[in-house]
Protein backbone atom coordinates (compact mmCIF):
# COMPACT_ATOMS: atom_id res chain seq x y z
CA UNK A 1 0.00 0.00 0.00
CA UNK A 2 1.31 3.47 -0.80
CA UNK A 3 2.33 5.74 2.04
CA UNK A 4 -0.38 8.36 2.23
CA UNK A 5 -0.15 10.22 5.53
CA UNK A 6 1.99 13.30 5.78
CA UNK A 7 3.29 12.11 9.17
CA UNK A 8 4.73 8.90 7.73
CA UNK A 9 6.16 10.66 4.66
CA UNK A 10 7.88 13.11 6.99
CA UNK A 11 9.11 10.30 9.25
CA UNK A 12 10.65 8.51 6.25
CA UNK A 13 12.39 11.66 5.11
CA UNK A 14 13.74 12.30 8.63
CA UNK A 15 15.09 8.72 8.75
CA UNK A 16 16.76 9.31 5.41
CA UNK A 17 18.40 12.47 6.67
CA UNK A 18 19.30 11.50 10.24
CA UNK A 19 19.79 7.70 10.33
CA UNK A 20 23.51 8.36 10.87
CA UNK A 21 22.71 10.05 14.18
CA UNK A 22 20.91 7.08 15.67
CA UNK A 23 17.54 8.88 15.55
CA UNK A 24 14.64 7.22 17.38
CA UNK A 25 10.91 7.03 16.84
CA UNK A 26 10.48 9.14 20.00
CA UNK A 27 12.70 11.90 18.61
CA UNK A 28 10.90 11.91 15.27
CA UNK A 29 7.48 11.99 16.95
CA UNK A 30 8.63 14.84 19.19
CA UNK A 31 9.70 16.88 16.14
CA UNK A 32 6.20 16.43 14.75
CA UNK A 33 4.37 17.03 18.02
CA UNK A 34 2.63 13.66 17.94
CA UNK A 35 2.98 10.69 20.28
CA UNK A 36 5.45 7.94 19.43
CA UNK A 37 2.61 5.42 19.87
CA UNK A 38 0.51 7.16 17.24
CA UNK A 39 3.39 7.59 14.82
CA UNK A 40 4.49 3.99 15.39
CA UNK A 41 1.08 2.52 14.64
CA UNK A 42 0.57 4.76 11.61
CA UNK A 43 4.04 3.85 10.36
CA UNK A 44 3.48 0.10 10.74
CA UNK A 45 0.10 0.32 9.02
CA UNK A 46 1.40 2.27 6.03
CA UNK A 47 4.93 0.94 5.61
CA UNK A 48 4.09 -2.65 6.50
CA UNK A 49 6.87 -3.10 9.08
CA UNK A 50 7.36 -1.49 12.45
CA UNK A 51 9.63 1.51 12.77
CA UNK A 52 12.49 -0.28 14.51
CA UNK A 53 12.62 -2.97 11.80
CA UNK A 54 12.50 -0.32 9.11
CA UNK A 55 15.32 1.79 10.50
CA UNK A 56 17.45 -1.28 11.23
CA UNK A 57 17.02 -2.53 7.64
CA UNK A 58 17.72 0.97 6.33
CA UNK A 59 20.96 1.20 8.33
CA UNK A 60 22.06 -2.30 7.30
CA UNK A 61 21.43 -1.44 3.65
CA UNK A 62 23.60 1.69 3.99
CA UNK A 63 26.27 -0.34 5.79
CA UNK A 64 26.33 -2.89 2.95
CA UNK A 65 26.87 -0.10 0.42
CA UNK A 66 29.75 1.30 2.49
CA UNK A 67 31.32 -2.13 3.04
CA UNK A 68 31.40 -2.73 -0.70
CA UNK A 69 32.28 0.76 -1.91
CA UNK A 70 34.79 2.04 0.64
CA UNK A 71 37.91 1.00 2.53
CA UNK A 72 36.43 2.05 5.87
CA UNK A 73 36.91 -0.10 8.96
CA UNK A 74 33.89 -1.78 10.54
CA UNK A 75 33.84 0.64 13.49
CA UNK A 76 33.88 3.61 11.07
CA UNK A 77 30.99 2.17 9.10
CA UNK A 78 29.10 1.42 12.32
CA UNK A 79 29.43 5.07 13.28
CA UNK A 80 28.36 6.32 9.86
CA UNK A 81 25.13 4.33 9.92
CA UNK A 82 24.06 5.28 13.43
CA UNK A 83 25.60 2.54 15.60
CA UNK A 84 28.12 4.08 18.00
CA UNK A 85 28.90 0.62 19.41
CA UNK A 86 30.73 -1.44 16.75
CA UNK A 87 30.22 -4.74 18.59
CA UNK A 88 26.49 -4.18 18.68
CA UNK A 89 26.55 -3.13 15.02
CA UNK A 90 28.37 -6.34 14.07
CA UNK A 91 25.80 -8.42 15.94
CA UNK A 92 22.85 -6.65 14.30
CA UNK A 93 24.55 -6.92 10.90
CA UNK A 94 25.15 -10.64 11.33
CA UNK A 95 21.55 -11.25 12.48
CA UNK A 96 20.32 -9.39 9.40
CA UNK A 97 22.63 -10.88 6.78
CA UNK A 98 24.06 -14.10 8.23
CA UNK A 99 27.56 -12.67 7.81
CA UNK A 100 29.81 -10.45 9.88
CA UNK A 101 30.63 -7.10 8.25
CA UNK A 102 34.12 -8.42 7.45
CA UNK A 103 32.78 -11.59 5.83
CA UNK A 104 30.27 -9.57 3.87
CA UNK A 105 33.01 -7.31 2.60
CA UNK A 106 35.15 -10.26 1.50
CA UNK A 107 32.21 -11.97 -0.18
CA UNK A 108 30.86 -8.99 -2.12
CA UNK A 109 33.66 -6.52 -2.68
PDB file of N, CA and C in Angstrom:
ATOM      1  N   UNK A   1       0.848  -1.196   0.000  1.00  0.00           N
ATOM      2  CA  UNK A   1       0.000   0.000   0.000  1.00  0.00           C
ATOM      3  C   UNK A   1       0.884   1.247   0.000  1.00  0.00           C
ATOM      4  N   UNK A   2       0.476   2.264  -0.755  1.00  0.00           N
ATOM      5  CA  UNK A   2       1.306   3.467  -0.796  1.00  0.00           C
ATOM      6  C   UNK A   2       1.243   4.234   0.530  1.00  0.00           C
ATOM      7  N   UNK A   3       2.312   4.898   0.846  1.00  0.00           N
ATOM      8  CA  UNK A   3       2.334   5.739   2.037  1.00  0.00           C
ATOM      9  C   UNK A   3       1.517   6.986   1.735  1.00  0.00           C
ATOM     10  N   UNK A   4       0.477   7.228   2.516  1.00  0.00           N
ATOM     11  CA  UNK A   4      -0.377   8.363   2.225  1.00  0.00           C
ATOM     12  C   UNK A   4      -0.286   9.488   3.251  1.00  0.00           C
ATOM     13  N   UNK A   5      -0.094   9.153   4.530  1.00  0.00           N
ATOM     14  CA  UNK A   5      -0.154  10.221   5.526  1.00  0.00           C
ATOM     15  C   UNK A   5       1.109  11.068   5.497  1.00  0.00           C
ATOM     16  N   UNK A   6       0.896  12.350   5.713  1.00  0.00           N
ATOM     17  CA  UNK A   6       1.993  13.295   5.777  1.00  0.00           C
ATOM     18  C   UNK A   6       2.971  12.923   6.889  1.00  0.00           C
ATOM     19  N   UNK A   7       2.435  12.450   8.022  1.00  0.00           N
ATOM     20  CA  UNK A   7       3.286  12.110   9.170  1.00  0.00           C
ATOM     21  C   UNK A   7       4.293  11.024   8.794  1.00  0.00           C
ATOM     22  N   UNK A   8       3.822   9.999   8.089  1.00  0.00           N
ATOM     23  CA  UNK A   8       4.725   8.896   7.725  1.00  0.00           C
ATOM     24  C   UNK A   8       5.707   9.349   6.647  1.00  0.00           C
ATOM     25  N   UNK A   9       5.237  10.131   5.685  1.00  0.00           N
ATOM     26  CA  UNK A   9       6.163  10.663   4.664  1.00  0.00           C
ATOM     27  C   UNK A   9       7.277  11.461   5.326  1.00  0.00           C
ATOM     28  N   UNK A  10       6.896  12.280   6.294  1.00  0.00           N
ATOM     29  CA  UNK A  10       7.875  13.106   6.987  1.00  0.00           C
ATOM     30  C   UNK A  10       8.826  12.223   7.805  1.00  0.00           C
ATOM     31  N   UNK A  11       8.274  11.212   8.464  1.00  0.00           N
ATOM     32  CA  UNK A  11       9.112  10.296   9.253  1.00  0.00           C
ATOM     33  C   UNK A  11      10.145   9.618   8.356  1.00  0.00           C
ATOM     34  N   UNK A  12       9.726   9.175   7.181  1.00  0.00           N
ATOM     35  CA  UNK A  12      10.650   8.513   6.254  1.00  0.00           C
ATOM     36  C   UNK A  12      11.742   9.477   5.804  1.00  0.00           C
ATOM     37  N   UNK A  13      11.369  10.727   5.568  1.00  0.00           N
ATOM     38  CA  UNK A  13      12.393  11.659   5.110  1.00  0.00           C
ATOM     39  C   UNK A  13      13.354  12.018   6.250  1.00  0.00           C
ATOM     40  N   UNK A  14      12.850  12.053   7.486  1.00  0.00           N
ATOM     41  CA  UNK A  14      13.736  12.299   8.632  1.00  0.00           C
ATOM     42  C   UNK A  14      14.704  11.121   8.824  1.00  0.00           C
ATOM     43  N   UNK A  15      14.212   9.899   8.662  1.00  0.00           N
ATOM     44  CA  UNK A  15      15.091   8.717   8.754  1.00  0.00           C
ATOM     45  C   UNK A  15      16.205   8.845   7.718  1.00  0.00           C
ATOM     46  N   UNK A  16      15.811   9.190   6.500  1.00  0.00           N
ATOM     47  CA  UNK A  16      16.759   9.309   5.407  1.00  0.00           C
ATOM     48  C   UNK A  16      17.851  10.335   5.706  1.00  0.00           C
ATOM     49  N   UNK A  17      17.456  11.397   6.384  1.00  0.00           N
ATOM     50  CA  UNK A  17      18.396  12.470   6.666  1.00  0.00           C
ATOM     51  C   UNK A  17      19.236  12.212   7.915  1.00  0.00           C
ATOM     52  N   UNK A  18      18.642  11.563   8.929  1.00  0.00           N
ATOM     53  CA  UNK A  18      19.300  11.499  10.242  1.00  0.00           C
ATOM     54  C   UNK A  18      19.642  10.090  10.722  1.00  0.00           C
ATOM     55  N   UNK A  19      19.508   9.072   9.872  1.00  0.00           N
ATOM     56  CA  UNK A  19      19.788   7.702  10.326  1.00  0.00           C
ATOM     57  C   UNK A  19      21.201   7.581  10.887  1.00  0.00           C
ATOM     58  N   UNK A  20      22.117   8.404  10.404  1.00  0.00           N
ATOM     59  CA  UNK A  20      23.509   8.361  10.872  1.00  0.00           C
ATOM     60  C   UNK A  20      23.622   8.750  12.339  1.00  0.00           C
ATOM     61  N   UNK A  21      22.642   9.525  12.816  1.00  0.00           N
ATOM     62  CA  UNK A  21      22.710  10.051  14.179  1.00  0.00           C
ATOM     63  C   UNK A  21      22.025   9.132  15.190  1.00  0.00           C
ATOM     64  N   UNK A  22      21.579   7.976  14.743  1.00  0.00           N
ATOM     65  CA  UNK A  22      20.913   7.075  15.667  1.00  0.00           C
ATOM     66  C   UNK A  22      19.556   7.604  16.110  1.00  0.00           C
ATOM     67  N   UNK A  23      18.839   8.275  15.203  1.00  0.00           N
ATOM     68  CA  UNK A  23      17.544   8.885  15.554  1.00  0.00           C
ATOM     69  C   UNK A  23      16.519   7.822  15.950  1.00  0.00           C
ATOM     70  N   UNK A  24      15.645   8.162  16.886  1.00  0.00           N
ATOM     71  CA  UNK A  24      14.640   7.216  17.377  1.00  0.00           C
ATOM     72  C   UNK A  24      13.235   7.656  16.985  1.00  0.00           C
ATOM     73  N   UNK A  25      12.320   6.723  17.087  1.00  0.00           N
ATOM     74  CA  UNK A  25      10.908   7.027  16.836  1.00  0.00           C
ATOM     75  C   UNK A  25      10.440   8.156  17.760  1.00  0.00           C
ATOM     76  N   UNK A  26      10.872   8.111  19.021  1.00  0.00           N
ATOM     77  CA  UNK A  26      10.476   9.137  19.995  1.00  0.00           C
ATOM     78  C   UNK A  26      10.923  10.523  19.544  1.00  0.00           C
ATOM     79  N   UNK A  27      12.171  10.606  19.060  1.00  0.00           N
ATOM     80  CA  UNK A  27      12.700  11.901  18.612  1.00  0.00           C
ATOM     81  C   UNK A  27      11.943  12.408  17.385  1.00  0.00           C
ATOM     82  N   UNK A  28      11.636  11.505  16.485  1.00  0.00           N
ATOM     83  CA  UNK A  28      10.900  11.906  15.275  1.00  0.00           C
ATOM     84  C   UNK A  28       9.498  12.372  15.649  1.00  0.00           C
ATOM     85  N   UNK A  29       8.827  11.614  16.510  1.00  0.00           N
ATOM     86  CA  UNK A  29       7.479  11.990  16.946  1.00  0.00           C
ATOM     87  C   UNK A  29       7.507  13.355  17.643  1.00  0.00           C
ATOM     88  N   UNK A  30       8.521  13.575  18.468  1.00  0.00           N
ATOM     89  CA  UNK A  30       8.631  14.843  19.187  1.00  0.00           C
ATOM     90  C   UNK A  30       8.773  16.026  18.225  1.00  0.00           C
ATOM     91  N   UNK A  31       9.552  15.826  17.160  1.00  0.00           N
ATOM     92  CA  UNK A  31       9.702  16.879  16.143  1.00  0.00           C
ATOM     93  C   UNK A  31       8.372  17.226  15.501  1.00  0.00           C
ATOM     94  N   UNK A  32       7.485  16.233  15.428  1.00  0.00           N
ATOM     95  CA  UNK A  32       6.203  16.433  14.747  1.00  0.00           C
ATOM     96  C   UNK A  32       5.067  16.717  15.717  1.00  0.00           C
ATOM     97  N   UNK A  33       5.397  16.791  17.004  1.00  0.00           N
ATOM     98  CA  UNK A  33       4.369  17.027  18.023  1.00  0.00           C
ATOM     99  C   UNK A  33       3.246  15.998  18.010  1.00  0.00           C
ATOM    100  N   UNK A  34       3.614  14.743  17.800  1.00  0.00           N
ATOM    101  CA  UNK A  34       2.634  13.660  17.937  1.00  0.00           C
ATOM    102  C   UNK A  34       3.234  12.610  18.869  1.00  0.00           C
ATOM    103  N   UNK A  35       2.414  11.689  19.358  1.00  0.00           N
ATOM    104  CA  UNK A  35       2.977  10.692  20.281  1.00  0.00           C
ATOM    105  C   UNK A  35       3.700   9.606  19.486  1.00  0.00           C
ATOM    106  N   UNK A  36       4.742   9.040  20.098  1.00  0.00           N
ATOM    107  CA  UNK A  36       5.452   7.937  19.434  1.00  0.00           C
ATOM    108  C   UNK A  36       4.510   6.762  19.162  1.00  0.00           C
ATOM    109  N   UNK A  37       3.549   6.530  20.059  1.00  0.00           N
ATOM    110  CA  UNK A  37       2.609   5.416  19.868  1.00  0.00           C
ATOM    111  C   UNK A  37       1.803   5.628  18.589  1.00  0.00           C
ATOM    112  N   UNK A  38       1.313   6.848  18.418  1.00  0.00           N
ATOM    113  CA  UNK A  38       0.509   7.163  17.239  1.00  0.00           C
ATOM    114  C   UNK A  38       1.359   7.048  15.968  1.00  0.00           C
ATOM    115  N   UNK A  39       2.522   7.654  15.995  1.00  0.00           N
ATOM    116  CA  UNK A  39       3.392   7.591  14.822  1.00  0.00           C
ATOM    117  C   UNK A  39       3.769   6.143  14.529  1.00  0.00           C
ATOM    118  N   UNK A  40       4.093   5.395  15.576  1.00  0.00           N
ATOM    119  CA  UNK A  40       4.490   3.995  15.395  1.00  0.00           C
ATOM    120  C   UNK A  40       3.399   3.160  14.756  1.00  0.00           C
ATOM    121  N   UNK A  41       2.151   3.348  15.203  1.00  0.00           N
ATOM    122  CA  UNK A  41       1.078   2.521  14.643  1.00  0.00           C
ATOM    123  C   UNK A  41       0.750   2.948  13.221  1.00  0.00           C
ATOM    124  N   UNK A  42       0.794   4.248  12.967  1.00  0.00           N
ATOM    125  CA  UNK A  42       0.568   4.757  11.606  1.00  0.00           C
ATOM    126  C   UNK A  42       1.653   4.232  10.667  1.00  0.00           C
ATOM    127  N   UNK A  43       2.889   4.290  11.140  1.00  0.00           N
ATOM    128  CA  UNK A  43       4.042   3.854  10.358  1.00  0.00           C
ATOM    129  C   UNK A  43       3.898   2.380   9.985  1.00  0.00           C
ATOM    130  N   UNK A  44       3.600   1.550  10.984  1.00  0.00           N
ATOM    131  CA  UNK A  44       3.479   0.104  10.742  1.00  0.00           C
ATOM    132  C   UNK A  44       2.355  -0.176   9.752  1.00  0.00           C
ATOM    133  N   UNK A  45       1.248   0.540   9.896  1.00  0.00           N
ATOM    134  CA  UNK A  45       0.104   0.323   9.019  1.00  0.00           C
ATOM    135  C   UNK A  45       0.454   0.680   7.570  1.00  0.00           C
ATOM    136  N   UNK A  46       1.142   1.797   7.390  1.00  0.00           N
ATOM    137  CA  UNK A  46       1.402   2.274   6.026  1.00  0.00           C
ATOM    138  C   UNK A  46       2.654   1.683   5.383  1.00  0.00           C
ATOM    139  N   UNK A  47       3.668   1.433   6.186  1.00  0.00           N
ATOM    140  CA  UNK A  47       4.930   0.943   5.613  1.00  0.00           C
ATOM    141  C   UNK A  47       4.959  -0.587   5.590  1.00  0.00           C
ATOM    142  N   UNK A  48       4.190  -1.190   6.501  1.00  0.00           N
ATOM    143  CA  UNK A  48       4.094  -2.648   6.504  1.00  0.00           C
ATOM    144  C   UNK A  48       5.074  -3.330   7.443  1.00  0.00           C
ATOM    145  N   UNK A  49       5.980  -2.563   8.033  1.00  0.00           N
ATOM    146  CA  UNK A  49       6.867  -3.104   9.077  1.00  0.00           C
ATOM    147  C   UNK A  49       6.930  -2.059  10.181  1.00  0.00           C
ATOM    148  N   UNK A  50       7.291  -2.491  11.396  1.00  0.00           N
ATOM    149  CA  UNK A  50       7.362  -1.485  12.451  1.00  0.00           C
ATOM    150  C   UNK A  50       8.605  -0.617  12.272  1.00  0.00           C
ATOM    151  N   UNK A  51       8.578   0.511  12.956  1.00  0.00           N
ATOM    152  CA  UNK A  51       9.629   1.510  12.771  1.00  0.00           C
ATOM    153  C   UNK A  51      11.015   0.949  13.065  1.00  0.00           C
ATOM    154  N   UNK A  52      11.139   0.190  14.161  1.00  0.00           N
ATOM    155  CA  UNK A  52      12.490  -0.284  14.514  1.00  0.00           C
ATOM    156  C   UNK A  52      13.035  -1.255  13.468  1.00  0.00           C
ATOM    157  N   UNK A  53      12.172  -2.097  12.889  1.00  0.00           N
ATOM    158  CA  UNK A  53      12.625  -2.971  11.796  1.00  0.00           C
ATOM    159  C   UNK A  53      13.036  -2.144  10.577  1.00  0.00           C
ATOM    160  N   UNK A  54      12.226  -1.142  10.279  1.00  0.00           N
ATOM    161  CA  UNK A  54      12.503  -0.318   9.108  1.00  0.00           C
ATOM    162  C   UNK A  54      13.854   0.373   9.237  1.00  0.00           C
ATOM    163  N   UNK A  55      14.075   1.015  10.377  1.00  0.00           N
ATOM    164  CA  UNK A  55      15.316   1.790  10.499  1.00  0.00           C
ATOM    165  C   UNK A  55      16.529   0.858  10.588  1.00  0.00           C
ATOM    166  N   UNK A  56      16.353  -0.312  11.191  1.00  0.00           N
ATOM    167  CA  UNK A  56      17.448  -1.281  11.228  1.00  0.00           C
ATOM    168  C   UNK A  56      17.797  -1.724   9.799  1.00  0.00           C
ATOM    169  N   UNK A  57      16.776  -2.099   9.025  1.00  0.00           N
ATOM    170  CA  UNK A  57      17.020  -2.533   7.637  1.00  0.00           C
ATOM    171  C   UNK A  57      17.656  -1.412   6.811  1.00  0.00           C
ATOM    172  N   UNK A  58      17.182  -0.197   7.040  1.00  0.00           N
ATOM    173  CA  UNK A  58      17.717   0.967   6.332  1.00  0.00           C
ATOM    174  C   UNK A  58      19.208   1.130   6.646  1.00  0.00           C
ATOM    175  N   UNK A  59      19.561   1.038   7.928  1.00  0.00           N
ATOM    176  CA  UNK A  59      20.964   1.199   8.333  1.00  0.00           C
ATOM    177  C   UNK A  59      21.833   0.056   7.799  1.00  0.00           C
ATOM    178  N   UNK A  60      21.301  -1.159   7.811  1.00  0.00           N
ATOM    179  CA  UNK A  60      22.063  -2.304   7.296  1.00  0.00           C
ATOM    180  C   UNK A  60      22.306  -2.135   5.793  1.00  0.00           C
ATOM    181  N   UNK A  61      21.284  -1.672   5.089  1.00  0.00           N
ATOM    182  CA  UNK A  61      21.435  -1.439   3.646  1.00  0.00           C
ATOM    183  C   UNK A  61      22.537  -0.416   3.381  1.00  0.00           C
ATOM    184  N   UNK A  62      22.545   0.675   4.147  1.00  0.00           N
ATOM    185  CA  UNK A  62      23.596   1.692   3.989  1.00  0.00           C
ATOM    186  C   UNK A  62      24.960   1.100   4.342  1.00  0.00           C
ATOM    187  N   UNK A  63      25.011   0.283   5.386  1.00  0.00           N
ATOM    188  CA  UNK A  63      26.272  -0.341   5.792  1.00  0.00           C
ATOM    189  C   UNK A  63      26.808  -1.246   4.683  1.00  0.00           C
ATOM    190  N   UNK A  64      25.911  -2.012   4.053  1.00  0.00           N
ATOM    191  CA  UNK A  64      26.334  -2.892   2.952  1.00  0.00           C
ATOM    192  C   UNK A  64      26.964  -2.072   1.829  1.00  0.00           C
ATOM    193  N   UNK A  65      26.322  -0.951   1.493  1.00  0.00           N
ATOM    194  CA  UNK A  65      26.868  -0.096   0.421  1.00  0.00           C
ATOM    195  C   UNK A  65      28.264   0.383   0.796  1.00  0.00           C
ATOM    196  N   UNK A  66      28.440   0.805   2.055  1.00  0.00           N
ATOM    197  CA  UNK A  66      29.748   1.299   2.488  1.00  0.00           C
ATOM    198  C   UNK A  66      30.790   0.188   2.537  1.00  0.00           C
ATOM    199  N   UNK A  67      30.381  -1.003   2.967  1.00  0.00           N
ATOM    200  CA  UNK A  67      31.324  -2.130   3.041  1.00  0.00           C
ATOM    201  C   UNK A  67      31.860  -2.471   1.652  1.00  0.00           C
ATOM    202  N   UNK A  68      31.001  -2.348   0.651  1.00  0.00           N
ATOM    203  CA  UNK A  68      31.401  -2.727  -0.702  1.00  0.00           C
ATOM    204  C   UNK A  68      32.135  -1.589  -1.409  1.00  0.00           C
ATOM    205  N   UNK A  69      31.756  -0.342  -1.100  1.00  0.00           N
ATOM    206  CA  UNK A  69      32.277   0.761  -1.914  1.00  0.00           C
ATOM    207  C   UNK A  69      33.396   1.566  -1.267  1.00  0.00           C
ATOM    208  N   UNK A  70      33.738   1.250  -0.019  1.00  0.00           N
ATOM    209  CA  UNK A  70      34.789   2.035   0.645  1.00  0.00           C
ATOM    210  C   UNK A  70      35.817   1.121   1.298  1.00  0.00           C
ATOM    211  N   UNK A  71      36.873   1.733   1.781  1.00  0.00           N
ATOM    212  CA  UNK A  71      37.908   0.996   2.527  1.00  0.00           C
ATOM    213  C   UNK A  71      37.748   1.206   4.035  1.00  0.00           C
ATOM    214  N   UNK A  72      36.602   1.721   4.455  1.00  0.00           N
ATOM    215  CA  UNK A  72      36.432   2.046   5.874  1.00  0.00           C
ATOM    216  C   UNK A  72      36.467   0.799   6.750  1.00  0.00           C
ATOM    217  N   UNK A  73      36.929   0.974   7.961  1.00  0.00           N
ATOM    218  CA  UNK A  73      36.910  -0.100   8.956  1.00  0.00           C
ATOM    219  C   UNK A  73      35.485  -0.285   9.482  1.00  0.00           C
ATOM    220  N   UNK A  74      35.229  -1.480  10.010  1.00  0.00           N
ATOM    221  CA  UNK A  74      33.891  -1.779  10.539  1.00  0.00           C
ATOM    222  C   UNK A  74      33.420  -0.735  11.540  1.00  0.00           C
ATOM    223  N   UNK A  75      34.294  -0.325  12.471  1.00  0.00           N
ATOM    224  CA  UNK A  75      33.840   0.638  13.491  1.00  0.00           C
ATOM    225  C   UNK A  75      33.493   1.990  12.859  1.00  0.00           C
ATOM    226  N   UNK A  76      34.176   2.344  11.757  1.00  0.00           N
ATOM    227  CA  UNK A  76      33.878   3.608  11.073  1.00  0.00           C
ATOM    228  C   UNK A  76      32.518   3.521  10.369  1.00  0.00           C
ATOM    229  N   UNK A  77      32.280   2.375   9.764  1.00  0.00           N
ATOM    230  CA  UNK A  77      30.987   2.175   9.100  1.00  0.00           C
ATOM    231  C   UNK A  77      29.870   2.156  10.135  1.00  0.00           C
ATOM    232  N   UNK A  78      30.095   1.470  11.245  1.00  0.00           N
ATOM    233  CA  UNK A  78      29.099   1.420  12.322  1.00  0.00           C
ATOM    234  C   UNK A  78      28.692   2.841  12.713  1.00  0.00           C
ATOM    235  N   UNK A  79      29.684   3.683  12.916  1.00  0.00           N
ATOM    236  CA  UNK A  79      29.435   5.075  13.280  1.00  0.00           C
ATOM    237  C   UNK A  79      28.652   5.824  12.221  1.00  0.00           C
ATOM    238  N   UNK A  80      29.007   5.603  10.968  1.00  0.00           N
ATOM    239  CA  UNK A  80      28.364   6.321   9.860  1.00  0.00           C
ATOM    240  C   UNK A  80      26.910   5.931   9.663  1.00  0.00           C
ATOM    241  N   UNK A  81      26.529   4.742  10.122  1.00  0.00           N
ATOM    242  CA  UNK A  81      25.131   4.329   9.920  1.00  0.00           C
ATOM    243  C   UNK A  81      24.320   4.368  11.218  1.00  0.00           C
ATOM    244  N   UNK A  82      24.861   5.043  12.237  1.00  0.00           N
ATOM    245  CA  UNK A  82      24.063   5.282  13.431  1.00  0.00           C
ATOM    246  C   UNK A  82      24.218   4.266  14.548  1.00  0.00           C
ATOM    247  N   UNK A  83      25.318   3.481  14.513  1.00  0.00           N
ATOM    248  CA  UNK A  83      25.595   2.539  15.597  1.00  0.00           C
ATOM    249  C   UNK A  83      26.910   2.922  16.260  1.00  0.00           C
ATOM    250  N   UNK A  84      26.862   3.683  17.359  1.00  0.00           N
ATOM    251  CA  UNK A  84      28.120   4.083  17.996  1.00  0.00           C
ATOM    252  C   UNK A  84      28.901   2.906  18.586  1.00  0.00           C
ATOM    253  N   UNK A  85      28.219   1.789  18.846  1.00  0.00           N
ATOM    254  CA  UNK A  85      28.898   0.617  19.413  1.00  0.00           C
ATOM    255  C   UNK A  85      29.162  -0.408  18.307  1.00  0.00           C
ATOM    256  N   UNK A  86      30.433  -0.540  17.877  1.00  0.00           N
ATOM    257  CA  UNK A  86      30.733  -1.436  16.748  1.00  0.00           C
ATOM    258  C   UNK A  86      30.411  -2.906  17.018  1.00  0.00           C
ATOM    259  N   UNK A  87      30.550  -3.344  18.279  1.00  0.00           N
ATOM    260  CA  UNK A  87      30.219  -4.743  18.588  1.00  0.00           C
ATOM    261  C   UNK A  87      28.732  -4.994  18.378  1.00  0.00           C
ATOM    262  N   UNK A  88      27.939  -4.054  18.858  1.00  0.00           N
ATOM    263  CA  UNK A  88      26.489  -4.176  18.680  1.00  0.00           C
ATOM    264  C   UNK A  88      26.136  -4.128  17.190  1.00  0.00           C
ATOM    265  N   UNK A  89      26.765  -3.210  16.467  1.00  0.00           N
ATOM    266  CA  UNK A  89      26.547  -3.126  15.024  1.00  0.00           C
ATOM    267  C   UNK A  89      26.851  -4.464  14.345  1.00  0.00           C
ATOM    268  N   UNK A  90      27.991  -5.064  14.691  1.00  0.00           N
ATOM    269  CA  UNK A  90      28.368  -6.339  14.071  1.00  0.00           C
ATOM    270  C   UNK A  90      27.337  -7.423  14.353  1.00  0.00           C
ATOM    271  N   UNK A  91      26.808  -7.419  15.577  1.00  0.00           N
ATOM    272  CA  UNK A  91      25.804  -8.416  15.945  1.00  0.00           C
ATOM    273  C   UNK A  91      24.516  -8.221  15.139  1.00  0.00           C
ATOM    274  N   UNK A  92      24.064  -6.964  15.059  1.00  0.00           N
ATOM    275  CA  UNK A  92      22.849  -6.653  14.303  1.00  0.00           C
ATOM    276  C   UNK A  92      23.055  -6.993  12.821  1.00  0.00           C
ATOM    277  N   UNK A  93      24.232  -6.656  12.308  1.00  0.00           N
ATOM    278  CA  UNK A  93      24.547  -6.922  10.903  1.00  0.00           C
ATOM    279  C   UNK A  93      24.513  -8.428  10.624  1.00  0.00           C
ATOM    280  N   UNK A  94      25.115  -9.192  11.526  1.00  0.00           N
ATOM    281  CA  UNK A  94      25.148 -10.643  11.333  1.00  0.00           C
ATOM    282  C   UNK A  94      23.749 -11.257  11.437  1.00  0.00           C
ATOM    283  N   UNK A  95      22.935 -10.763  12.384  1.00  0.00           N
ATOM    284  CA  UNK A  95      21.550 -11.248  12.478  1.00  0.00           C
ATOM    285  C   UNK A  95      20.796 -10.965  11.182  1.00  0.00           C
ATOM    286  N   UNK A  96      21.063  -9.804  10.599  1.00  0.00           N
ATOM    287  CA  UNK A  96      20.319  -9.393   9.404  1.00  0.00           C
ATOM    288  C   UNK A  96      20.789 -10.103   8.143  1.00  0.00           C
ATOM    289  N   UNK A  97      22.089 -10.390   8.049  1.00  0.00           N
ATOM    290  CA  UNK A  97      22.633 -10.882   6.777  1.00  0.00           C
ATOM    291  C   UNK A  97      23.197 -12.300   6.855  1.00  0.00           C
ATOM    292  N   UNK A  98      23.424 -12.795   8.075  1.00  0.00           N
ATOM    293  CA  UNK A  98      24.062 -14.101   8.232  1.00  0.00           C
ATOM    294  C   UNK A  98      25.581 -14.028   8.166  1.00  0.00           C
ATOM    295  N   UNK A  99      26.112 -12.846   7.912  1.00  0.00           N
ATOM    296  CA  UNK A  99      27.563 -12.672   7.812  1.00  0.00           C
ATOM    297  C   UNK A  99      28.013 -11.540   8.724  1.00  0.00           C
ATOM    298  N   UNK A 100      29.256 -11.606   9.179  1.00  0.00           N
ATOM    299  CA  UNK A 100      29.810 -10.446   9.880  1.00  0.00           C
ATOM    300  C   UNK A 100      30.110  -9.380   8.822  1.00  0.00           C
ATOM    301  N   UNK A 101      30.272  -8.130   9.235  1.00  0.00           N
ATOM    302  CA  UNK A 101      30.626  -7.101   8.250  1.00  0.00           C
ATOM    303  C   UNK A 101      31.883  -7.467   7.456  1.00  0.00           C
ATOM    304  N   UNK A 102      32.879  -8.022   8.136  1.00  0.00           N
ATOM    305  CA  UNK A 102      34.124  -8.415   7.450  1.00  0.00           C
ATOM    306  C   UNK A 102      33.900  -9.510   6.415  1.00  0.00           C
ATOM    307  N   UNK A 103      33.091 -10.500   6.777  1.00  0.00           N
ATOM    308  CA  UNK A 103      32.784 -11.591   5.833  1.00  0.00           C
ATOM    309  C   UNK A 103      31.995 -11.054   4.640  1.00  0.00           C
ATOM    310  N   UNK A 104      31.084 -10.154   4.937  1.00  0.00           N
ATOM    311  CA  UNK A 104      30.267  -9.566   3.869  1.00  0.00           C
ATOM    312  C   UNK A 104      31.159  -8.833   2.884  1.00  0.00           C
ATOM    313  N   UNK A 105      32.104  -8.075   3.425  1.00  0.00           N
ATOM    314  CA  UNK A 105      33.013  -7.312   2.597  1.00  0.00           C
ATOM    315  C   UNK A 105      33.832  -8.242   1.703  1.00  0.00           C
ATOM    316  N   UNK A 106      34.356  -9.313   2.288  1.00  0.00           N
ATOM    317  CA  UNK A 106      35.150 -10.263   1.504  1.00  0.00           C
ATOM    318  C   UNK A 106      34.305 -10.916   0.424  1.00  0.00           C
ATOM    319  N   UNK A 107      33.055 -11.240   0.768  1.00  0.00           N
ATOM    320  CA  UNK A 107      32.207 -11.967  -0.183  1.00  0.00           C
ATOM    321  C   UNK A 107      31.744 -11.092  -1.336  1.00  0.00           C
ATOM    322  N   UNK A 108      31.516  -9.814  -1.098  1.00  0.00           N
ATOM    323  CA  UNK A 108      30.856  -8.987  -2.121  1.00  0.00           C
ATOM    324  C   UNK A 108      31.683  -7.872  -2.704  1.00  0.00           C
ATOM    325  N   UNK A 109      32.865  -7.646  -2.166  1.00  0.00           N
ATOM    326  CA  UNK A 109      33.660  -6.519  -2.675  1.00  0.00           C
ATOM    327  C   UNK A 109      34.257  -6.832  -4.042  1.00  0.00           C
TER     328      UNK A 109
END
